[in-house]
Amino acid sequence: MKASMIIASTVALFFSGALAAPTVPAHLPSDYFTFSLINDQTGASEIRTVIRGESPVTLAELFKNTRLVQGGHVIATSAQALAPSGRAIKCVFTNLPAGKVFRLNDQEPFADLDGNDKAAVPTDVTDFTFECE
């Protein structure tokens, strides 16, 4: 009888722990946005995660030493939202010299960075900045 009680208690304890909701580790940011930068001409694509509220960062900084770099320049055609954290994060690519802003968020999950919706045109996005609020 004692043995069956010990076994029953152990099984109950095991299953109660196994069914408990998983916790998110404290070191993971809760306000993050993951996206891919793509060169549709070459098929190159790289993924990055950015935290809301950080200073704007150039695509040169985010994508240095990746397959998107050609001749020292980051070349891409588009970007796609992959994992917004679901907290209404709004991100923007800014091309200051051209005065263009491209939005990327859970409502606008695709940004046509080359500005041509008819064709994929490799574009130097090295100096574009990216930030999320």
N, C-alpha and C. Protein backbone atom coordinates (compact mmCIF):
# COMPACT_ATOMS: atom_id res chain seq x y z
N MET A 1 0.81 -1.19 0.00
CA MET A 1 0.00 0.00 0.00
C MET A 1 0.86 1.25 0.00
N LYS A 2 1.92 1.24 0.86
CA LYS A 2 2.81 2.39 0.91
C LYS A 2 3.49 2.60 -0.44
N ALA A 3 3.92 1.52 -1.05
CA ALA A 3 4.61 1.62 -2.34
C ALA A 3 3.69 2.22 -3.40
N SER A 4 2.44 1.83 -3.42
CA SER A 4 1.52 2.36 -4.42
C SER A 4 1.24 3.84 -4.18
N MET A 5 1.21 4.27 -2.90
CA MET A 5 1.01 5.69 -2.57
C MET A 5 2.22 6.51 -3.01
N ILE A 6 3.41 5.98 -2.81
CA ILE A 6 4.62 6.69 -3.21
C ILE A 6 4.66 6.82 -4.73
N ILE A 7 4.35 5.75 -5.41
CA ILE A 7 4.33 5.78 -6.88
C ILE A 7 3.29 6.77 -7.38
N ALA A 8 2.08 6.73 -6.81
CA ALA A 8 1.01 7.64 -7.22
C ALA A 8 1.41 9.09 -6.98
N SER A 9 2.03 9.36 -5.84
CA SER A 9 2.46 10.73 -5.52
C SER A 9 3.54 11.20 -6.48
N THR A 10 4.47 10.33 -6.79
CA THR A 10 5.55 10.66 -7.71
C THR A 10 5.00 10.96 -9.10
N VAL A 11 4.10 10.12 -9.57
CA VAL A 11 3.49 10.32 -10.89
C VAL A 11 2.72 11.64 -10.92
N ALA A 12 1.95 11.93 -9.89
CA ALA A 12 1.18 13.18 -9.82
C ALA A 12 2.11 14.38 -9.83
N LEU A 13 3.18 14.31 -9.06
CA LEU A 13 4.15 15.40 -9.02
C LEU A 13 4.82 15.59 -10.37
N PHE A 14 5.18 14.50 -11.02
CA PHE A 14 5.82 14.58 -12.33
C PHE A 14 4.90 15.25 -13.35
N PHE A 15 3.66 14.82 -13.42
CA PHE A 15 2.74 15.37 -14.42
C PHE A 15 2.33 16.80 -14.11
N SER A 16 2.24 17.17 -12.86
CA SER A 16 1.88 18.55 -12.55
C SER A 16 2.99 19.49 -12.99
N GLY A 17 4.24 19.07 -12.88
CA GLY A 17 5.36 19.89 -13.36
C GLY A 17 5.44 19.90 -14.86
N ALA A 18 5.14 18.78 -15.49
CA ALA A 18 5.23 18.69 -16.95
C ALA A 18 4.15 19.51 -17.63
N LEU A 19 3.01 19.67 -16.99
CA LEU A 19 1.91 20.41 -17.60
C LEU A 19 1.91 21.88 -17.24
N ALA A 20 2.79 22.31 -16.38
CA ALA A 20 2.85 23.72 -16.02
C ALA A 20 3.24 24.55 -17.23
N ALA A 21 2.74 25.76 -17.28
CA ALA A 21 3.04 26.64 -18.41
C ALA A 21 4.53 26.97 -18.43
N PRO A 22 5.14 26.93 -19.61
CA PRO A 22 6.56 27.26 -19.69
C PRO A 22 6.77 28.74 -19.40
N THR A 23 7.91 29.06 -18.83
CA THR A 23 8.21 30.46 -18.55
C THR A 23 9.22 30.97 -19.57
N VAL A 24 9.18 32.26 -19.83
CA VAL A 24 10.11 32.89 -20.75
C VAL A 24 11.34 33.29 -19.95
N PRO A 25 12.51 32.89 -20.41
CA PRO A 25 13.72 33.26 -19.68
C PRO A 25 13.84 34.78 -19.57
N ALA A 26 14.32 35.26 -18.45
CA ALA A 26 14.40 36.69 -18.19
C ALA A 26 15.35 37.42 -19.14
N HIS A 27 16.30 36.72 -19.73
CA HIS A 27 17.28 37.40 -20.58
C HIS A 27 16.74 37.71 -21.98
N LEU A 28 15.58 37.18 -22.34
CA LEU A 28 15.01 37.47 -23.65
C LEU A 28 14.19 38.74 -23.60
N PRO A 29 14.39 39.66 -24.58
CA PRO A 29 13.61 40.90 -24.58
C PRO A 29 12.15 40.61 -24.94
N SER A 30 11.25 41.37 -24.34
CA SER A 30 9.84 41.16 -24.64
C SER A 30 9.39 42.01 -25.82
N ASP A 31 10.11 43.07 -26.13
CA ASP A 31 9.75 43.96 -27.23
C ASP A 31 10.77 43.82 -28.36
N TYR A 32 10.65 42.75 -29.09
CA TYR A 32 11.60 42.48 -30.17
C TYR A 32 10.88 42.40 -31.51
N PHE A 33 11.64 42.52 -32.57
CA PHE A 33 11.09 42.41 -33.93
C PHE A 33 12.13 41.70 -34.78
N THR A 34 11.75 40.59 -35.37
CA THR A 34 12.67 39.82 -36.22
C THR A 34 12.22 39.97 -37.67
N PHE A 35 13.19 40.24 -38.53
CA PHE A 35 12.89 40.42 -39.95
C PHE A 35 14.01 39.85 -40.80
N SER A 36 13.70 39.65 -42.08
CA SER A 36 14.74 39.21 -43.01
C SER A 36 14.94 40.29 -44.06
N LEU A 37 16.18 40.46 -44.44
CA LEU A 37 16.54 41.34 -45.55
C LEU A 37 16.89 40.43 -46.71
N ILE A 38 16.36 40.74 -47.89
CA ILE A 38 16.42 39.80 -49.01
C ILE A 38 16.95 40.48 -50.27
N ASN A 39 17.77 39.74 -51.01
CA ASN A 39 18.14 40.13 -52.37
C ASN A 39 17.50 39.07 -53.28
N ASP A 40 16.38 39.44 -53.88
CA ASP A 40 15.64 38.49 -54.71
C ASP A 40 16.39 38.09 -55.98
N GLN A 41 17.36 38.86 -56.38
CA GLN A 41 18.15 38.52 -57.58
C GLN A 41 19.13 37.39 -57.31
N THR A 42 19.76 37.41 -56.13
CA THR A 42 20.76 36.39 -55.82
C THR A 42 20.20 35.27 -54.94
N GLY A 43 19.07 35.53 -54.31
CA GLY A 43 18.51 34.56 -53.38
C GLY A 43 19.08 34.68 -51.98
N ALA A 44 19.99 35.62 -51.77
CA ALA A 44 20.58 35.81 -50.45
C ALA A 44 19.55 36.42 -49.50
N SER A 45 19.58 35.94 -48.27
CA SER A 45 18.66 36.43 -47.25
C SER A 45 19.32 36.27 -45.89
N GLU A 46 19.16 37.26 -45.05
CA GLU A 46 19.72 37.21 -43.69
C GLU A 46 18.65 37.67 -42.70
N ILE A 47 18.68 37.12 -41.52
CA ILE A 47 17.69 37.42 -40.48
C ILE A 47 18.36 38.17 -39.33
N ARG A 48 17.65 39.18 -38.84
CA ARG A 48 18.12 39.94 -37.67
C ARG A 48 16.95 40.21 -36.74
N THR A 49 17.27 40.37 -35.46
CA THR A 49 16.28 40.75 -34.45
C THR A 49 16.70 42.07 -33.83
N VAL A 50 15.74 42.97 -33.72
CA VAL A 50 15.99 44.31 -33.19
C VAL A 50 15.06 44.52 -32.00
N ILE A 51 15.53 45.25 -31.01
CA ILE A 51 14.73 45.54 -29.82
C ILE A 51 14.12 46.93 -29.95
N ARG A 52 12.85 47.03 -29.58
CA ARG A 52 12.14 48.31 -29.65
C ARG A 52 12.84 49.35 -28.78
N GLY A 53 12.89 50.59 -29.30
CA GLY A 53 13.41 51.69 -28.52
C GLY A 53 14.90 51.91 -28.60
N GLU A 54 15.61 51.04 -29.29
CA GLU A 54 17.04 51.26 -29.45
C GLU A 54 17.27 52.30 -30.53
N SER A 55 18.43 52.90 -30.54
CA SER A 55 18.76 53.93 -31.54
C SER A 55 18.74 53.34 -32.94
N PRO A 56 18.47 54.20 -33.95
CA PRO A 56 18.52 53.71 -35.33
C PRO A 56 19.90 53.12 -35.63
N VAL A 57 19.90 52.05 -36.40
CA VAL A 57 21.15 51.39 -36.78
C VAL A 57 21.17 51.26 -38.29
N THR A 58 22.34 51.44 -38.89
CA THR A 58 22.43 51.31 -40.34
C THR A 58 22.39 49.84 -40.73
N LEU A 59 21.94 49.59 -41.94
CA LEU A 59 21.93 48.22 -42.43
C LEU A 59 23.36 47.72 -42.62
N ALA A 60 24.31 48.64 -42.82
CA ALA A 60 25.72 48.25 -42.89
C ALA A 60 26.15 47.61 -41.57
N GLU A 61 25.70 48.18 -40.44
CA GLU A 61 26.05 47.63 -39.13
C GLU A 61 25.34 46.31 -38.88
N LEU A 62 24.07 46.23 -39.24
CA LEU A 62 23.30 45.02 -38.98
C LEU A 62 23.73 43.83 -39.84
N PHE A 63 24.15 44.11 -41.07
CA PHE A 63 24.38 43.01 -42.02
C PHE A 63 25.82 42.90 -42.51
N LYS A 64 26.78 43.51 -41.78
CA LYS A 64 28.17 43.39 -42.20
C LYS A 64 28.59 41.93 -42.18
N ASN A 65 29.48 41.58 -43.06
CA ASN A 65 30.00 40.21 -43.16
C ASN A 65 28.93 39.16 -43.42
N THR A 66 27.94 39.51 -44.24
CA THR A 66 26.90 38.54 -44.60
C THR A 66 26.89 38.35 -46.12
N ARG A 67 26.05 37.44 -46.56
CA ARG A 67 25.92 37.17 -48.00
C ARG A 67 25.29 38.33 -48.76
N LEU A 68 24.72 39.29 -48.05
CA LEU A 68 24.10 40.45 -48.70
C LEU A 68 25.12 41.51 -49.09
N VAL A 69 26.32 41.40 -48.58
CA VAL A 69 27.36 42.40 -48.88
C VAL A 69 28.06 42.03 -50.18
N GLN A 70 28.06 43.00 -51.09
CA GLN A 70 28.75 42.85 -52.38
C GLN A 70 29.62 44.08 -52.59
N GLY A 71 30.92 43.88 -52.69
CA GLY A 71 31.82 45.00 -52.91
C GLY A 71 31.76 46.04 -51.80
N GLY A 72 31.54 45.60 -50.58
CA GLY A 72 31.49 46.51 -49.45
C GLY A 72 30.14 47.19 -49.23
N HIS A 73 29.15 46.87 -50.04
CA HIS A 73 27.82 47.48 -49.92
C HIS A 73 26.77 46.41 -49.64
N VAL A 74 25.78 46.76 -48.82
CA VAL A 74 24.66 45.85 -48.55
C VAL A 74 23.67 46.03 -49.69
N ILE A 75 23.43 44.96 -50.43
CA ILE A 75 22.54 44.99 -51.60
C ILE A 75 21.30 44.15 -51.30
N ALA A 76 20.14 44.78 -51.44
CA ALA A 76 18.88 44.07 -51.16
C ALA A 76 17.77 44.61 -52.04
N THR A 77 16.67 43.89 -52.08
CA THR A 77 15.49 44.33 -52.82
C THR A 77 14.28 44.52 -51.91
N SER A 78 14.22 43.75 -50.81
CA SER A 78 13.04 43.80 -49.96
C SER A 78 13.35 43.32 -48.55
N ALA A 79 12.35 43.49 -47.68
CA ALA A 79 12.44 42.99 -46.31
C ALA A 79 11.10 42.41 -45.93
N GLN A 80 11.13 41.42 -45.02
CA GLN A 80 9.90 40.78 -44.60
C GLN A 80 9.90 40.59 -43.09
N ALA A 81 8.79 40.94 -42.45
CA ALA A 81 8.63 40.73 -41.01
C ALA A 81 8.49 39.24 -40.75
N LEU A 82 9.22 38.73 -39.77
CA LEU A 82 9.16 37.30 -39.45
C LEU A 82 8.53 37.04 -38.10
N ALA A 83 8.91 37.81 -37.09
CA ALA A 83 8.40 37.54 -35.75
C ALA A 83 8.27 38.81 -34.92
N PRO A 84 7.27 39.62 -35.23
CA PRO A 84 7.04 40.75 -34.33
C PRO A 84 6.56 40.20 -33.01
N SER A 85 6.87 40.88 -31.92
CA SER A 85 6.53 40.33 -30.61
C SER A 85 5.06 40.46 -30.28
N GLY A 86 4.28 41.08 -31.14
CA GLY A 86 2.85 41.19 -30.90
C GLY A 86 2.46 42.36 -30.02
N ARG A 87 3.35 43.26 -29.82
CA ARG A 87 3.08 44.41 -28.97
C ARG A 87 2.99 45.70 -29.80
N ALA A 88 2.42 45.61 -30.97
CA ALA A 88 2.22 46.77 -31.85
C ALA A 88 3.51 47.53 -32.12
N ILE A 89 4.58 46.79 -32.35
CA ILE A 89 5.85 47.43 -32.67
C ILE A 89 5.81 47.93 -34.10
N LYS A 90 6.22 49.17 -34.29
CA LYS A 90 6.27 49.79 -35.61
C LYS A 90 7.74 50.04 -35.95
N CYS A 91 8.19 49.47 -37.07
CA CYS A 91 9.58 49.62 -37.49
C CYS A 91 9.63 50.36 -38.81
N VAL A 92 10.74 51.05 -39.04
CA VAL A 92 10.91 51.77 -40.30
C VAL A 92 12.34 51.65 -40.80
N PHE A 93 12.43 51.53 -42.12
CA PHE A 93 13.69 51.70 -42.82
C PHE A 93 13.66 53.14 -43.31
N THR A 94 14.75 53.86 -43.13
CA THR A 94 14.80 55.23 -43.60
C THR A 94 15.98 55.39 -44.54
N ASN A 95 15.71 55.92 -45.72
CA ASN A 95 16.73 56.24 -46.69
C ASN A 95 16.81 57.76 -46.71
N LEU A 96 17.67 58.31 -45.85
CA LEU A 96 17.73 59.77 -45.69
C LEU A 96 18.06 60.53 -46.97
N PRO A 97 19.07 60.11 -47.73
CA PRO A 97 19.38 60.88 -48.94
C PRO A 97 18.19 60.99 -49.90
N ALA A 98 17.41 59.95 -50.00
CA ALA A 98 16.26 59.97 -50.92
C ALA A 98 14.98 60.45 -50.23
N GLY A 99 15.03 60.61 -48.90
CA GLY A 99 13.86 61.05 -48.17
C GLY A 99 12.74 60.04 -48.16
N LYS A 100 13.07 58.76 -48.22
CA LYS A 100 12.04 57.71 -48.25
C LYS A 100 12.01 56.94 -46.93
N VAL A 101 10.80 56.54 -46.56
CA VAL A 101 10.59 55.73 -45.37
C VAL A 101 9.79 54.50 -45.77
N PHE A 102 10.25 53.35 -45.34
CA PHE A 102 9.57 52.09 -45.63
C PHE A 102 9.15 51.47 -44.30
N ARG A 103 7.87 51.23 -44.12
CA ARG A 103 7.35 50.67 -42.87
C ARG A 103 7.39 49.14 -42.89
N LEU A 104 7.63 48.58 -41.71
CA LEU A 104 7.63 47.13 -41.56
C LEU A 104 7.09 46.82 -40.16
N ASN A 105 5.99 46.09 -40.10
CA ASN A 105 5.38 45.75 -38.82
C ASN A 105 4.41 44.59 -39.02
N ASP A 106 3.63 44.25 -38.00
CA ASP A 106 2.72 43.11 -38.14
C ASP A 106 1.56 43.40 -39.10
N GLN A 107 1.26 44.68 -39.34
CA GLN A 107 0.21 45.05 -40.29
C GLN A 107 0.74 45.26 -41.71
N GLU A 108 2.00 45.64 -41.81
CA GLU A 108 2.69 45.83 -43.09
C GLU A 108 3.94 44.95 -43.08
N PRO A 109 3.77 43.65 -43.34
CA PRO A 109 4.87 42.70 -43.16
C PRO A 109 5.88 42.64 -44.31
N PHE A 110 5.73 43.45 -45.34
CA PHE A 110 6.64 43.43 -46.47
C PHE A 110 7.03 44.85 -46.85
N ALA A 111 8.31 45.06 -47.09
CA ALA A 111 8.80 46.36 -47.54
C ALA A 111 9.57 46.18 -48.84
N ASP A 112 9.14 46.89 -49.86
CA ASP A 112 9.77 46.84 -51.18
C ASP A 112 10.85 47.92 -51.22
N LEU A 113 12.04 47.58 -50.76
CA LEU A 113 13.11 48.57 -50.57
C LEU A 113 13.67 49.14 -51.85
N ASP A 114 13.48 48.45 -52.97
CA ASP A 114 13.98 48.99 -54.23
C ASP A 114 13.00 50.00 -54.84
N GLY A 115 11.80 50.10 -54.28
CA GLY A 115 10.83 51.07 -54.76
C GLY A 115 10.15 50.69 -56.06
N ASN A 116 10.40 49.48 -56.54
CA ASN A 116 9.82 49.05 -57.80
C ASN A 116 8.93 47.84 -57.54
N ASP A 117 7.61 48.05 -57.60
CA ASP A 117 6.71 46.93 -57.31
C ASP A 117 6.50 46.01 -58.50
N LYS A 118 7.13 46.31 -59.63
CA LYS A 118 7.02 45.48 -60.83
C LYS A 118 8.19 44.51 -61.01
N ALA A 119 9.33 44.85 -60.41
CA ALA A 119 10.53 44.01 -60.59
C ALA A 119 11.43 44.12 -59.36
N ALA A 120 12.24 43.10 -59.14
CA ALA A 120 13.23 43.10 -58.06
C ALA A 120 14.51 43.74 -58.59
N VAL A 121 14.80 44.93 -58.09
CA VAL A 121 15.98 45.67 -58.54
C VAL A 121 16.98 45.73 -57.39
N PRO A 122 18.15 45.12 -57.55
CA PRO A 122 19.15 45.18 -56.48
C PRO A 122 19.47 46.64 -56.14
N THR A 123 19.38 46.96 -54.85
CA THR A 123 19.53 48.34 -54.40
C THR A 123 20.55 48.41 -53.28
N ASP A 124 21.39 49.44 -53.31
CA ASP A 124 22.36 49.65 -52.25
C ASP A 124 21.63 50.23 -51.04
N VAL A 125 21.48 49.42 -50.00
CA VAL A 125 20.78 49.84 -48.79
C VAL A 125 21.75 50.02 -47.61
N THR A 126 23.02 50.13 -47.92
CA THR A 126 24.06 50.22 -46.91
C THR A 126 23.78 51.30 -45.88
N ASP A 127 23.38 52.48 -46.34
CA ASP A 127 23.20 53.61 -45.46
C ASP A 127 21.76 53.79 -44.96
N PHE A 128 20.86 52.90 -45.34
CA PHE A 128 19.50 52.94 -44.79
C PHE A 128 19.62 52.69 -43.28
N THR A 129 18.77 53.31 -42.52
CA THR A 129 18.73 53.01 -41.09
C THR A 129 17.46 52.21 -40.79
N PHE A 130 17.50 51.50 -39.65
CA PHE A 130 16.35 50.70 -39.24
C PHE A 130 16.16 50.92 -37.75
N GLU A 131 14.90 51.12 -37.36
CA GLU A 131 14.59 51.24 -35.94
C GLU A 131 13.15 50.86 -35.68
N CYS A 132 12.88 50.48 -34.44
CA CYS A 132 11.53 50.08 -34.05
C CYS A 132 11.08 50.87 -32.82
N GLU A 133 9.81 51.28 -32.84
CA GLU A 133 9.24 51.99 -31.69
C GLU A 133 8.01 51.28 -31.22
